[in-house]
Protein backbone atom coordinates (compact mmCIF):
# COMPACT_ATOMS: atom_id res chain seq x y z
CA UNK A 1 132.26 -226.77 -77.60
CA UNK A 2 135.13 -228.70 -76.03
CA UNK A 3 135.03 -231.28 -78.85
CA UNK A 4 135.35 -228.49 -81.42
CA UNK A 5 138.23 -226.85 -79.58
CA UNK A 6 140.07 -230.16 -79.21
CA UNK A 7 139.46 -230.94 -82.88
CA UNK A 8 141.01 -227.62 -83.83
CA UNK A 9 143.90 -228.34 -81.47
CA UNK A 10 144.45 -231.71 -83.19
CA UNK A 11 144.57 -230.04 -86.60
CA UNK A 12 147.14 -227.58 -85.30
CA UNK A 13 149.08 -230.45 -83.75
CA UNK A 14 149.18 -232.31 -87.06
CA UNK A 15 150.38 -229.20 -88.83
CA UNK A 16 153.30 -228.96 -86.40
CA UNK A 17 153.90 -232.67 -85.99
CA UNK A 18 154.37 -233.46 -89.69
CA UNK A 19 157.47 -231.30 -90.20
CA UNK A 20 158.84 -232.58 -86.88
CA UNK A 21 158.40 -236.16 -88.06
CA UNK A 22 160.10 -235.38 -91.37
CA UNK A 23 162.99 -233.82 -89.49
CA UNK A 24 163.20 -236.88 -87.20
CA UNK A 25 163.32 -239.25 -90.18
CA UNK A 26 166.02 -237.19 -91.81
CA UNK A 27 168.01 -237.31 -88.58
CA UNK A 28 167.29 -241.04 -88.27
CA UNK A 29 168.61 -241.71 -91.79
CA UNK A 30 171.78 -239.76 -91.09
CA UNK A 31 172.33 -241.56 -87.82
CA UNK A 32 171.77 -245.01 -89.39
CA UNK A 33 174.23 -244.13 -92.11
CA UNK A 34 176.70 -243.34 -89.35
CA UNK A 35 175.82 -246.56 -87.52
CA UNK A 36 174.26 -244.77 -84.51
CA UNK A 37 170.83 -245.26 -82.90
CA UNK A 38 168.37 -242.37 -83.49
CA UNK A 39 167.75 -240.04 -80.58
CA UNK A 40 164.08 -239.49 -79.66
CA UNK A 41 162.87 -235.93 -80.17
CA UNK A 42 160.91 -234.19 -77.43
CA UNK A 43 159.44 -230.76 -78.04
CA UNK A 44 158.75 -228.70 -74.94
CA UNK A 45 156.42 -225.74 -74.49
CA UNK A 46 155.62 -223.56 -71.50
CA UNK A 47 152.39 -222.78 -69.67
CA UNK A 48 151.85 -219.15 -68.80
CA UNK A 49 149.46 -217.06 -66.76
CA UNK A 50 147.60 -214.25 -68.43
CA UNK A 51 144.40 -213.09 -70.10
CA UNK A 52 143.20 -214.56 -73.36
CA UNK A 53 140.86 -212.44 -75.43
CA UNK A 54 139.52 -212.35 -78.98
CA UNK A 55 138.60 -208.98 -80.46
CA UNK A 56 137.03 -208.24 -83.84
CA UNK A 57 136.83 -204.89 -85.63
CA UNK A 58 133.72 -202.84 -86.22
CA UNK A 59 133.03 -199.48 -87.81
CA UNK A 60 131.33 -196.74 -85.79
CA UNK A 61 128.20 -195.16 -87.26
CA UNK A 62 127.11 -191.90 -85.62
CA UNK A 63 123.66 -190.50 -86.36
CA UNK A 64 123.51 -186.92 -85.09
CA UNK A 65 120.64 -185.55 -83.03
CA UNK A 66 117.98 -184.17 -85.37
CA UNK A 67 115.14 -181.72 -85.55
CA UNK A 68 111.98 -182.38 -87.52
CA UNK A 69 108.60 -180.78 -88.08
CA UNK A 70 105.39 -182.67 -87.43
CA UNK A 71 101.97 -181.74 -88.75
CA UNK A 72 99.06 -181.53 -86.36
CA UNK A 73 96.34 -183.89 -87.60
CA UNK A 74 93.19 -182.51 -89.13
CA UNK A 75 90.03 -182.70 -87.05
CA UNK A 76 86.36 -183.13 -87.91
CA UNK A 77 84.79 -179.89 -89.25
CA UNK A 78 82.78 -179.30 -86.06
CA UNK A 79 85.91 -179.28 -83.87
CA UNK A 80 88.14 -176.32 -83.10
CA UNK A 81 91.86 -177.12 -82.99
CA UNK A 82 92.59 -176.04 -79.45
CA UNK A 83 95.41 -177.61 -77.48
CA UNK A 84 93.62 -179.23 -74.56
CA UNK A 85 96.45 -181.22 -73.02
CA UNK A 86 100.24 -181.04 -73.18
CA UNK A 87 102.93 -183.26 -71.65
CA UNK A 88 105.09 -181.91 -68.82
CA UNK A 89 107.75 -179.51 -70.05
CA UNK A 90 111.35 -180.75 -70.34
CA UNK A 91 110.22 -184.37 -69.90
CA UNK A 92 111.40 -186.53 -72.82
CA UNK A 93 108.57 -187.93 -74.95
CA UNK A 94 109.16 -191.62 -75.64
CA UNK A 95 107.39 -194.32 -77.62
CA UNK A 96 103.70 -194.74 -76.78
CA UNK A 97 103.71 -191.43 -74.89
CA UNK A 98 101.13 -188.72 -75.44
CA UNK A 99 102.57 -186.00 -77.68
CA UNK A 100 99.68 -183.62 -77.06
CA UNK A 101 95.89 -183.48 -77.12
CA UNK A 102 93.95 -181.36 -79.60
CA UNK A 103 90.23 -180.78 -78.95
CA UNK A 104 90.12 -183.84 -76.68
CA UNK A 105 91.71 -186.02 -79.38
CA UNK A 106 95.00 -187.62 -78.26
CA UNK A 107 98.07 -187.70 -80.50
CA UNK A 108 100.59 -190.41 -79.60
CA UNK A 109 104.20 -190.98 -80.60
CA UNK A 110 105.55 -194.31 -81.85
CA UNK A 111 108.87 -195.29 -83.40
CA UNK A 112 108.84 -195.68 -87.19
CA UNK A 113 109.92 -194.26 -90.52
CA UNK A 114 106.61 -194.40 -92.44
CA UNK A 115 104.16 -191.53 -91.72
CA UNK A 116 100.50 -192.50 -91.36
CA UNK A 117 98.84 -191.99 -94.74
CA UNK A 118 95.43 -193.60 -94.16
CA UNK A 119 92.94 -194.63 -91.53
CA UNK A 120 93.51 -198.21 -90.40
CA UNK A 121 90.69 -200.67 -89.75
CA UNK A 122 90.49 -204.29 -88.72
CA UNK A 123 91.33 -206.44 -91.73
CA UNK A 124 93.69 -203.89 -93.32
CA UNK A 125 97.03 -205.26 -94.52
CA UNK A 126 100.24 -203.43 -95.37
CA UNK A 127 103.69 -202.23 -94.38
CA UNK A 128 102.11 -199.43 -92.34
CA UNK A 129 100.18 -202.01 -90.28
CA UNK A 130 103.39 -203.99 -89.80
CA UNK A 131 105.18 -200.85 -88.60
CA UNK A 132 102.33 -200.15 -86.17
CA UNK A 133 102.57 -203.69 -84.77
CA UNK A 134 106.36 -203.49 -84.45
CA UNK A 135 106.14 -200.13 -82.67
CA UNK A 136 103.43 -201.31 -80.29
CA UNK A 137 105.46 -204.44 -79.59
CA UNK A 138 108.57 -202.36 -78.85
CA UNK A 139 106.45 -200.34 -76.40
CA UNK A 140 105.33 -203.56 -74.68
CA UNK A 141 101.71 -203.27 -75.81
CA UNK A 142 101.49 -205.78 -78.66
CA UNK A 143 101.77 -209.42 -77.57
CA UNK A 144 101.10 -211.32 -80.79
CA UNK A 145 102.96 -212.27 -83.94
CA UNK A 146 103.80 -209.44 -86.31
CA UNK A 147 101.85 -210.21 -89.47
CA UNK A 148 101.14 -206.87 -91.14
CA UNK A 149 97.40 -207.53 -90.81
CA UNK A 150 95.24 -205.42 -88.50
CA UNK A 151 93.45 -207.97 -86.31
CA UNK A 152 92.11 -208.40 -82.80
CA UNK A 153 95.61 -208.42 -81.28
CA UNK A 154 96.40 -205.06 -82.85
CA UNK A 155 93.09 -203.66 -81.61
CA UNK A 156 93.84 -204.92 -78.09
CA UNK A 157 97.23 -203.16 -78.18
CA UNK A 158 95.60 -199.89 -79.25
CA UNK A 159 93.11 -200.17 -76.39
CA UNK A 160 96.07 -200.40 -74.00
CA UNK A 161 97.66 -197.38 -75.68
CA UNK A 162 94.56 -195.27 -75.03
CA UNK A 163 93.91 -196.65 -71.54
CA UNK A 164 97.50 -196.11 -70.39
CA UNK A 165 97.17 -192.41 -71.23
CA UNK A 166 93.86 -192.12 -69.37
CA UNK A 167 91.47 -192.36 -72.34
CA UNK A 168 88.46 -194.61 -72.73
CA UNK A 169 89.08 -196.74 -75.85
CA UNK A 170 85.31 -196.88 -76.40
CA UNK A 171 85.46 -193.21 -77.39
CA UNK A 172 87.90 -194.08 -80.17
CA UNK A 173 86.19 -196.99 -81.95
CA UNK A 174 87.25 -199.36 -79.20
CA UNK A 175 90.70 -199.55 -80.72
CA UNK A 176 89.25 -201.38 -83.72
CA UNK A 177 90.40 -198.63 -86.02
CA UNK A 178 93.11 -195.99 -85.92
CA UNK A 179 92.41 -192.65 -87.55
CA UNK A 180 95.18 -191.03 -89.53
CA UNK A 181 96.95 -188.54 -87.32
CA UNK A 182 96.21 -190.26 -84.02
CA UNK A 183 99.80 -191.53 -84.08
CA UNK A 184 102.91 -189.66 -85.17
CA UNK A 185 105.77 -191.95 -86.22
CA UNK A 186 109.29 -190.64 -85.60
CA UNK A 187 112.54 -192.40 -86.57
CA UNK A 188 114.25 -191.80 -83.24
CA UNK A 189 112.98 -191.37 -79.73
CA UNK A 190 112.88 -189.80 -77.20
CA UNK A 191 112.18 -186.25 -78.36
CA UNK A 192 111.31 -182.90 -76.81
CA UNK A 193 109.47 -179.93 -78.27
CA UNK A 194 111.70 -177.19 -79.63
CA UNK A 195 109.01 -174.73 -78.46
CA UNK A 196 106.38 -176.46 -76.30
CA UNK A 197 102.76 -175.83 -77.33
CA UNK A 198 100.72 -173.73 -74.93
CA UNK A 199 97.61 -175.12 -73.28
CA UNK A 200 94.59 -173.42 -74.87
CA UNK A 201 96.50 -172.33 -77.97
CA UNK A 202 94.48 -172.26 -81.19
CA UNK A 203 96.09 -174.21 -84.00
CA UNK A 204 95.44 -173.81 -87.69
CA UNK A 205 94.65 -176.92 -89.66
CA UNK A 206 97.96 -178.43 -90.73
CA UNK A 207 99.94 -176.46 -88.16
CA UNK A 208 103.44 -177.75 -87.62
CA UNK A 209 105.42 -178.16 -84.44
CA UNK A 210 109.12 -178.92 -84.25
CA UNK A 211 110.59 -181.65 -82.09
CA UNK A 212 114.22 -182.41 -81.29
CA UNK A 213 115.77 -185.79 -80.69
CA UNK A 214 117.53 -185.93 -77.34
CA UNK A 215 120.95 -187.13 -78.47
CA UNK A 216 122.96 -188.74 -81.21
CA UNK A 217 122.67 -192.48 -81.70
CA UNK A 218 125.63 -194.83 -82.07
CA UNK A 219 125.86 -198.11 -83.96
CA UNK A 220 128.63 -200.53 -84.85
CA UNK A 221 128.81 -202.13 -88.28
CA UNK A 222 130.41 -205.60 -88.14
CA UNK A 223 131.27 -207.62 -91.25
CA UNK A 224 128.69 -210.38 -91.75
CA UNK A 225 131.44 -213.02 -91.72
CA UNK A 226 132.64 -211.95 -88.27
CA UNK A 227 129.10 -211.45 -86.96
CA UNK A 228 127.97 -214.89 -88.14
CA UNK A 229 131.06 -216.75 -86.91
CA UNK A 230 131.70 -215.05 -83.57
CA UNK A 231 128.06 -214.18 -82.77
CA UNK A 232 128.74 -211.02 -80.72
CA UNK A 233 126.60 -210.81 -77.60
CA UNK A 234 124.94 -207.82 -75.98
CA UNK A 235 127.11 -206.55 -73.15
CA UNK A 236 130.41 -207.33 -74.89
CA UNK A 237 133.04 -204.67 -74.11
CA UNK A 238 133.88 -202.23 -76.90
CA UNK A 239 137.06 -200.20 -77.07
CA UNK A 240 138.59 -197.55 -79.24
CA UNK A 241 142.27 -196.75 -79.64
CA UNK A 242 141.91 -194.63 -76.50
CA UNK A 243 140.57 -197.53 -74.38
CA UNK A 244 137.23 -198.96 -73.28
CA UNK A 245 134.29 -196.73 -74.17
CA UNK A 246 131.14 -198.82 -73.72
CA UNK A 247 129.45 -202.09 -74.55
CA UNK A 248 127.64 -203.73 -77.41
CA UNK A 249 123.87 -203.49 -77.53
CA UNK A 250 121.33 -205.56 -79.42
CA UNK A 251 121.42 -206.24 -83.15
CA UNK A 252 119.47 -203.55 -85.00
CA UNK A 253 118.03 -204.76 -88.30
CA UNK A 254 116.42 -201.36 -88.90
CA UNK A 255 119.81 -199.83 -89.72
CA UNK A 256 120.69 -200.56 -93.34
CA UNK A 257 123.92 -200.37 -95.30
CA UNK A 258 124.35 -199.53 -98.97
CA UNK A 259 125.41 -203.14 -99.42
CA UNK A 260 122.88 -204.87 -97.18
CA UNK A 261 124.69 -208.20 -97.50
CA UNK A 262 128.01 -206.94 -96.18
CA UNK A 263 127.47 -205.81 -92.59
CA UNK A 264 125.40 -206.40 -89.48
CA UNK A 265 124.54 -203.48 -87.23
CA UNK A 266 124.43 -203.35 -83.44
CA UNK A 267 123.57 -200.51 -81.11
CA UNK A 268 126.41 -199.14 -79.01
CA UNK A 269 125.88 -198.15 -75.39
CA UNK A 270 128.64 -195.62 -74.79
CA UNK A 271 129.97 -194.53 -71.43
CA UNK A 272 131.83 -191.66 -73.09
CA UNK A 273 131.41 -189.98 -76.47
CA UNK A 274 134.54 -187.86 -76.23
CA UNK A 275 136.58 -188.04 -79.41
CA UNK A 276 134.20 -190.43 -81.19
CA UNK A 277 133.72 -189.78 -84.89
CA UNK A 278 131.66 -191.45 -87.58
CA UNK A 279 133.72 -194.15 -89.30
CA UNK A 280 136.09 -194.81 -86.39
CA UNK A 281 137.33 -198.40 -86.15
CA UNK A 282 136.38 -199.97 -82.83
CA UNK A 283 137.17 -203.36 -81.31
CA UNK A 284 134.52 -205.71 -79.86
CA UNK A 285 135.50 -208.53 -77.49
CA UNK A 286 133.84 -211.76 -78.59
CA UNK A 287 135.73 -214.32 -76.49
CA UNK A 288 137.67 -214.51 -73.23
CA UNK A 289 137.98 -211.82 -70.61
CA UNK A 290 140.54 -209.73 -68.79
CA UNK A 291 140.80 -212.12 -65.84
CA UNK A 292 144.10 -214.03 -65.87
CA UNK A 293 144.29 -217.82 -65.95
CA UNK A 294 146.54 -220.63 -67.15
CA UNK A 295 147.22 -220.54 -70.88
CA UNK A 296 148.73 -223.47 -72.79
CA UNK A 297 149.54 -224.01 -76.48
CA UNK A 298 146.59 -225.78 -78.13
CA UNK A 299 149.01 -228.45 -79.40
CA UNK A 300 149.68 -229.42 -75.76
CA UNK A 301 146.14 -230.79 -75.38
CA UNK A 302 146.03 -234.59 -75.58
CA UNK A 303 143.63 -237.36 -74.58
CA UNK A 304 140.02 -238.03 -75.49
CA UNK A 305 137.84 -235.14 -76.62
CA UNK A 306 135.76 -235.28 -73.46
CA UNK A 307 138.78 -235.76 -71.16
CA UNK A 308 141.46 -233.33 -72.31
CA UNK A 309 144.87 -233.50 -70.63
CA UNK A 310 148.30 -231.95 -70.82
CA UNK A 311 151.67 -233.66 -70.25
CA UNK A 312 153.70 -231.81 -67.62
CA UNK A 313 157.39 -232.44 -66.96
CA UNK A 314 158.03 -232.73 -63.22
CA UNK A 315 160.93 -233.81 -61.06
CA UNK A 316 159.35 -237.26 -60.93
CA UNK A 317 158.92 -237.59 -64.68
CA UNK A 318 156.08 -236.73 -67.04
CA UNK A 319 152.58 -236.55 -65.59
CA UNK A 320 149.19 -236.38 -67.27
CA UNK A 321 147.14 -233.53 -65.83
CA UNK A 322 143.39 -233.38 -66.51
CA UNK A 323 142.17 -229.94 -67.55
CA UNK A 324 138.98 -228.14 -68.52
CA UNK A 325 139.31 -226.14 -71.71
CA UNK A 326 137.91 -222.63 -71.93
CA UNK A 327 138.31 -220.20 -74.80
CA UNK A 328 140.91 -220.89 -77.51
CA UNK A 329 142.44 -218.00 -79.45
CA UNK A 330 145.20 -218.03 -82.07
CA UNK A 331 146.72 -221.40 -81.12
CA UNK A 332 146.40 -220.96 -77.35
CA UNK A 333 143.76 -222.20 -74.91
CA UNK A 334 142.72 -221.07 -71.45
CA UNK A 335 142.53 -224.10 -69.15
CA UNK A 336 141.70 -224.78 -65.53
CA UNK A 337 142.74 -227.66 -63.30
CA UNK A 338 142.79 -228.72 -59.67
CA UNK A 339 146.40 -229.92 -59.98
CA UNK A 340 149.05 -227.65 -58.47
CA UNK A 341 151.62 -229.06 -60.91
CA UNK A 342 150.20 -227.08 -63.83
CA UNK A 343 151.10 -223.47 -63.22
CA UNK A 344 152.86 -220.49 -64.71
CA UNK A 345 156.16 -221.69 -66.18
CA UNK A 346 155.30 -225.42 -66.22
CA UNK A 347 157.12 -227.36 -68.95
CA UNK A 348 154.67 -229.04 -71.32
CA UNK A 349 155.39 -231.91 -73.68
CA UNK A 350 154.22 -230.90 -77.15
CA UNK A 351 155.83 -233.79 -79.06
CA UNK A 352 157.55 -236.95 -77.92
CA UNK A 353 158.71 -239.42 -80.54
């Protein structure tokens, strides 16, 4: 990292040094024509104390809270659709939680966009199997590689799903198959029932219940170029024009854009939602922090790549001060040193020739 920063500093130095050298030669020619010796040129800069930060823009995407209807799965002909178990009221239902129990058959909730449209058995392959594996993995139940093929690892995860809710997997094919309707996939969790089902209630085949998502979700769309170059990290501060509002979450590949090649999406953990609107431009900090330190022009860095230094003018002449280089932003670098002679206001030699 230091080698890259110093290399950039050298390029900046060359860009500044070339016109200085041209100016020096022009002065030299004029002075020779006048019979005088050329005067050496020394360019001086100043160290300062402050914060050095790099922010990149992102566009806010707000997905409102939603309500949706879910169909109660059909049961074998010899079963009556009676609600035999319900989750505690007003407790959010999250991934891998029991949604309800109908005639002793559990119905679970997992995160996903594709409704179950078939029974799944070991050996089955498809996007629905892949979604099941991804959802079980997100819930901490699936430990293998996501392949889209229903195998022993998927069966083991389903056994955990049943066992965690207090059911014997042996009563449900040992987890080696998953009947359609045993899992309800919802695009966002957690949810609550709009009207909770009543224990002992008789349900018609195909009865529907409505669930509500708990809250809106927030994402930030960042241009692929910025995302690839700066590599934003989870926990990075995010601010709006009104000030800090939260921090960056993990990348979310499930969120798609109309032009999938243009933007990367990240979740946004907000500390306040006041005034936030879909499409707002936000700023994400990708380098530096708010803590002050010594900042020098990048052109002031000299010496070997692994041993960067700055030249400081002192009362006893020019001294080389060893520094450690931190973040560099827009032609400036944050540095640290044990020398007391490099401080706020120190005069730095940028060019001497």
